[in-house]
PDB file of N, CA and C in Angstrom:
ATOM      1  N   MET A   1     176.398 -14.021 -57.508  1.00  0.00           N
ATOM      2  CA  MET A   1     177.304 -14.224 -58.619  1.00  0.00           C
ATOM      3  C   MET A   1     177.543 -12.854 -59.260  1.00  0.00           C
ATOM      4  N   THR A   2     178.786 -12.567 -59.551  1.00  0.00           N
ATOM      5  CA  THR A   2     179.122 -11.257 -60.110  1.00  0.00           C
ATOM      6  C   THR A   2     178.904 -11.226 -61.621  1.00  0.00           C
ATOM      7  N   GLU A   3     178.834 -10.012 -62.143  1.00  0.00           N
ATOM      8  CA  GLU A   3     178.697  -9.819 -63.594  1.00  0.00           C
ATOM      9  C   GLU A   3     179.877 -10.463 -64.325  1.00  0.00           C
ATOM     10  N   GLN A   4     181.065 -10.319 -63.758  1.00  0.00           N
ATOM     11  CA  GLN A   4     182.262 -10.886 -64.391  1.00  0.00           C
ATOM     12  C   GLN A   4     182.177 -12.419 -64.440  1.00  0.00           C
ATOM     13  N   GLU A   5     181.700 -13.029 -63.363  1.00  0.00           N
ATOM     14  CA  GLU A   5     181.546 -14.486 -63.349  1.00  0.00           C
ATOM     15  C   GLU A   5     180.512 -14.939 -64.377  1.00  0.00           C
ATOM     16  N   LEU A   6     179.397 -14.216 -64.447  1.00  0.00           N
ATOM     17  CA  LEU A   6     178.369 -14.553 -65.428  1.00  0.00           C
ATOM     18  C   LEU A   6     178.894 -14.412 -66.852  1.00  0.00           C
ATOM     19  N   ARG A   7     179.695 -13.396 -67.096  1.00  0.00           N
ATOM     20  CA  ARG A   7     180.257 -13.184 -68.435  1.00  0.00           C
ATOM     21  C   ARG A   7     181.206 -14.327 -68.804  1.00  0.00           C
ATOM     22  N   ARG A   8     182.017 -14.772 -67.839  1.00  0.00           N
ATOM     23  CA  ARG A   8     182.919 -15.907 -68.105  1.00  0.00           C
ATOM     24  C   ARG A   8     182.120 -17.169 -68.431  1.00  0.00           C
ATOM     25  N   ILE A   9     181.044 -17.393 -67.675  1.00  0.00           N
ATOM     26  CA  ILE A   9     180.198 -18.554 -67.940  1.00  0.00           C
ATOM     27  C   ILE A   9     179.557 -18.431 -69.319  1.00  0.00           C
ATOM     28  N   ALA A  10     179.066 -17.239 -69.654  1.00  0.00           N
ATOM     29  CA  ALA A  10     178.443 -17.017 -70.964  1.00  0.00           C
ATOM     30  C   ALA A  10     179.438 -17.293 -72.085  1.00  0.00           C
ATOM     31  N   ASP A  11     180.675 -16.872 -71.911  1.00  0.00           N
ATOM     32  CA  ASP A  11     181.702 -17.147 -72.922  1.00  0.00           C
ATOM     33  C   ASP A  11     181.920 -18.648 -73.084  1.00  0.00           C
ATOM     34  N   ARG A  12     181.926 -19.371 -71.970  1.00  0.00           N
ATOM     35  CA  ARG A  12     182.112 -20.824 -72.031  1.00  0.00           C
ATOM     36  C   ARG A  12     180.915 -21.513 -72.682  1.00  0.00           C
ATOM     37  N   VAL A  13     179.710 -21.035 -72.353  1.00  0.00           N
ATOM     38  CA  VAL A  13     178.503 -21.590 -72.975  1.00  0.00           C
ATOM     39  C   VAL A  13     178.550 -21.355 -74.481  1.00  0.00           C
ATOM     40  N   ALA A  14     178.920 -20.141 -74.886  1.00  0.00           N
ATOM     41  CA  ALA A  14     179.008 -19.822 -76.315  1.00  0.00           C
ATOM     42  C   ALA A  14     180.033 -20.726 -77.000  1.00  0.00           C
ATOM     43  N   ASP A  15     181.164 -20.965 -76.349  1.00  0.00           N
ATOM     44  CA  ASP A  15     182.177 -21.862 -76.914  1.00  0.00           C
ATOM     45  C   ASP A  15     181.639 -23.287 -77.051  1.00  0.00           C
ATOM     46  N   ALA A  16     180.931 -23.757 -76.021  1.00  0.00           N
ATOM     47  CA  ALA A  16     180.375 -25.111 -76.061  1.00  0.00           C
ATOM     48  C   ALA A  16     179.329 -25.237 -77.170  1.00  0.00           C
ATOM     49  N   LEU A  17     178.489 -24.224 -77.311  1.00  0.00           N
ATOM     50  CA  LEU A  17     177.486 -24.253 -78.376  1.00  0.00           C
ATOM     51  C   LEU A  17     178.144 -24.253 -79.749  1.00  0.00           C
ATOM     52  N   ALA A  18     179.216 -23.490 -79.903  1.00  0.00           N
ATOM     53  CA  ALA A  18     179.918 -23.413 -81.185  1.00  0.00           C
ATOM     54  C   ALA A  18     180.470 -24.780 -81.594  1.00  0.00           C
ATOM     55  N   GLN A  19     180.866 -25.583 -80.611  1.00  0.00           N
ATOM     56  CA  GLN A  19     181.370 -26.923 -80.912  1.00  0.00           C
ATOM     57  C   GLN A  19     180.282 -27.811 -81.514  1.00  0.00           C
ATOM     58  N   HIS A  20     179.024 -27.399 -81.331  1.00  0.00           N
ATOM     59  CA  HIS A  20     177.892 -28.160 -81.869  1.00  0.00           C
ATOM     60  C   HIS A  20     177.228 -27.435 -83.033  1.00  0.00           C
ATOM     61  N   GLY A  21     177.929 -26.443 -83.579  1.00  0.00           N
ATOM     62  CA  GLY A  21     177.431 -25.749 -84.762  1.00  0.00           C
ATOM     63  C   GLY A  21     176.440 -24.634 -84.496  1.00  0.00           C
ATOM     64  N   VAL A  22     176.268 -24.261 -83.231  1.00  0.00           N
ATOM     65  CA  VAL A  22     175.364 -23.164 -82.865  1.00  0.00           C
ATOM     66  C   VAL A  22     176.236 -22.001 -82.413  1.00  0.00           C
ATOM     67  N   PHE A  23     176.143 -20.893 -83.128  1.00  0.00           N
ATOM     68  CA  PHE A  23     177.054 -19.784 -82.872  1.00  0.00           C
ATOM     69  C   PHE A  23     176.332 -18.605 -82.235  1.00  0.00           C
ATOM     70  N   VAL A  24     176.922 -18.077 -81.161  1.00  0.00           N
ATOM     71  CA  VAL A  24     176.421 -16.884 -80.481  1.00  0.00           C
ATOM     72  C   VAL A  24     177.294 -15.724 -80.944  1.00  0.00           C
ATOM     73  N   GLU A  25     176.680 -14.766 -81.615  1.00  0.00           N
ATOM     74  CA  GLU A  25     177.424 -13.601 -82.099  1.00  0.00           C
ATOM     75  C   GLU A  25     177.927 -12.786 -80.910  1.00  0.00           C
ATOM     76  N   ASP A  26     179.067 -12.127 -81.090  1.00  0.00           N
ATOM     77  CA  ASP A  26     179.659 -11.333 -80.012  1.00  0.00           C
ATOM     78  C   ASP A  26     178.701 -10.282 -79.466  1.00  0.00           C
ATOM     79  N   ASP A  27     177.873  -9.706 -80.342  1.00  0.00           N
ATOM     80  CA  ASP A  27     176.956  -8.666 -79.874  1.00  0.00           C
ATOM     81  C   ASP A  27     175.742  -9.243 -79.141  1.00  0.00           C
ATOM     82  N   LYS A  28     175.678 -10.560 -78.993  1.00  0.00           N
ATOM     83  CA  LYS A  28     174.576 -11.199 -78.266  1.00  0.00           C
ATOM     84  C   LYS A  28     175.017 -11.777 -76.926  1.00  0.00           C
ATOM     85  N   ILE A  29     176.287 -11.616 -76.584  1.00  0.00           N
ATOM     86  CA  ILE A  29     176.790 -12.143 -75.315  1.00  0.00           C
ATOM     87  C   ILE A  29     176.085 -11.480 -74.135  1.00  0.00           C
ATOM     88  N   ASP A  30     175.812 -10.171 -74.224  1.00  0.00           N
ATOM     89  CA  ASP A  30     175.116  -9.486 -73.127  1.00  0.00           C
ATOM     90  C   ASP A  30     173.746 -10.110 -72.874  1.00  0.00           C
ATOM     91  N   GLU A  31     173.042 -10.479 -73.936  1.00  0.00           N
ATOM     92  CA  GLU A  31     171.746 -11.128 -73.785  1.00  0.00           C
ATOM     93  C   GLU A  31     171.899 -12.504 -73.144  1.00  0.00           C
ATOM     94  N   LEU A  32     172.953 -13.213 -73.499  1.00  0.00           N
ATOM     95  CA  LEU A  32     173.215 -14.515 -72.887  1.00  0.00           C
ATOM     96  C   LEU A  32     173.533 -14.343 -71.405  1.00  0.00           C
ATOM     97  N   VAL A  33     174.287 -13.313 -71.052  1.00  0.00           N
ATOM     98  CA  VAL A  33     174.584 -13.018 -69.646  1.00  0.00           C
ATOM     99  C   VAL A  33     173.279 -12.755 -68.892  1.00  0.00           C
ATOM    100  N   ALA A  34     172.388 -11.958 -69.468  1.00  0.00           N
ATOM    101  CA  ALA A  34     171.107 -11.652 -68.824  1.00  0.00           C
ATOM    102  C   ALA A  34     170.269 -12.915 -68.638  1.00  0.00           C
ATOM    103  N   THR A  35     170.284 -13.791 -69.642  1.00  0.00           N
ATOM    104  CA  THR A  35     169.539 -15.046 -69.548  1.00  0.00           C
ATOM    105  C   THR A  35     170.109 -15.929 -68.445  1.00  0.00           C
ATOM    106  N   LEU A  36     171.426 -16.026 -68.378  1.00  0.00           N
ATOM    107  CA  LEU A  36     172.061 -16.815 -67.322  1.00  0.00           C
ATOM    108  C   LEU A  36     171.759 -16.237 -65.947  1.00  0.00           C
ATOM    109  N   HIS A  37     171.765 -14.910 -65.844  1.00  0.00           N
ATOM    110  CA  HIS A  37     171.456 -14.257 -64.571  1.00  0.00           C
ATOM    111  C   HIS A  37     170.036 -14.610 -64.135  1.00  0.00           C
ATOM    112  N   ALA A  38     169.082 -14.533 -65.050  1.00  0.00           N
ATOM    113  CA  ALA A  38     167.695 -14.892 -64.737  1.00  0.00           C
ATOM    114  C   ALA A  38     167.593 -16.360 -64.335  1.00  0.00           C
ATOM    115  N   PHE A  39     168.334 -17.220 -65.011  1.00  0.00           N
ATOM    116  CA  PHE A  39     168.331 -18.644 -64.687  1.00  0.00           C
ATOM    117  C   PHE A  39     168.868 -18.878 -63.278  1.00  0.00           C
ATOM    118  N   VAL A  40     169.968 -18.209 -62.930  1.00  0.00           N
ATOM    119  CA  VAL A  40     170.563 -18.355 -61.599  1.00  0.00           C
ATOM    120  C   VAL A  40     169.587 -17.869 -60.531  1.00  0.00           C
ATOM    121  N   LEU A  41     168.952 -16.723 -60.764  1.00  0.00           N
ATOM    122  CA  LEU A  41     167.972 -16.209 -59.800  1.00  0.00           C
ATOM    123  C   LEU A  41     166.813 -17.182 -59.625  1.00  0.00           C
ATOM    124  N   ALA A  42     166.323 -17.736 -60.716  1.00  0.00           N
ATOM    125  CA  ALA A  42     165.225 -18.702 -60.637  1.00  0.00           C
ATOM    126  C   ALA A  42     165.657 -19.950 -59.874  1.00  0.00           C
ATOM    127  N   ALA A  43     166.882 -20.378 -60.089  1.00  0.00           N
ATOM    128  CA  ALA A  43     167.391 -21.560 -59.390  1.00  0.00           C
ATOM    129  C   ALA A  43     167.514 -21.289 -57.893  1.00  0.00           C
ATOM    130  N   GLU A  44     167.912 -20.080 -57.533  1.00  0.00           N
ATOM    131  CA  GLU A  44     168.069 -19.722 -56.123  1.00  0.00           C
ATOM    132  C   GLU A  44     166.722 -19.530 -55.430  1.00  0.00           C
ATOM    133  N   ARG A  45     165.800 -18.886 -56.108  1.00  0.00           N
ATOM    134  CA  ARG A  45     164.525 -18.495 -55.496  1.00  0.00           C
ATOM    135  C   ARG A  45     163.388 -19.457 -55.798  1.00  0.00           C
ATOM    136  N   GLY A  46     163.562 -20.233 -56.832  1.00  0.00           N
ATOM    137  CA  GLY A  46     162.478 -21.093 -57.283  1.00  0.00           C
ATOM    138  C   GLY A  46     161.628 -20.359 -58.307  1.00  0.00           C
ATOM    139  N   VAL A  47     161.004 -21.120 -59.150  1.00  0.00           N
ATOM    140  CA  VAL A  47     160.159 -20.558 -60.202  1.00  0.00           C
ATOM    141  C   VAL A  47     158.718 -20.597 -59.704  1.00  0.00           C
ATOM    142  N   PRO A  48     157.996 -19.473 -59.779  1.00  0.00           N
ATOM    143  CA  PRO A  48     156.599 -19.476 -59.326  1.00  0.00           C
ATOM    144  C   PRO A  48     155.750 -20.465 -60.132  1.00  0.00           C
ATOM    145  N   GLN A  49     154.795 -21.067 -59.473  1.00  0.00           N
ATOM    146  CA  GLN A  49     153.887 -21.999 -60.140  1.00  0.00           C
ATOM    147  C   GLN A  49     152.954 -21.236 -61.066  1.00  0.00           C
ATOM    148  N   MET A  50     152.751 -21.772 -62.260  1.00  0.00           N
ATOM    149  CA  MET A  50     151.793 -21.173 -63.193  1.00  0.00           C
ATOM    150  C   MET A  50     150.421 -21.772 -62.909  1.00  0.00           C
ATOM    151  N   ARG A  51     149.416 -20.933 -62.950  1.00  0.00           N
ATOM    152  CA  ARG A  51     148.047 -21.413 -62.742  1.00  0.00           C
ATOM    153  C   ARG A  51     147.359 -21.565 -64.081  1.00  0.00           C
ATOM    154  N   GLY A  52     146.656 -22.643 -64.273  1.00  0.00           N
ATOM    155  CA  GLY A  52     146.035 -22.891 -65.563  1.00  0.00           C
ATOM    156  C   GLY A  52     144.605 -23.021 -65.562  1.00  0.00           C
TER     157      GLY A  52
END
């Protein structure tokens, strides 16, 4: 997934959250992109099991 695709998704997520009263400031979109990127990688590779 490209950076541009992730940014478009982040913008849509921010819009959806705003409809529910949760606002993502413009200067936090990069952090949302990074979070989405990590989520996509985890979904592709799987999340390692935590040992307790």
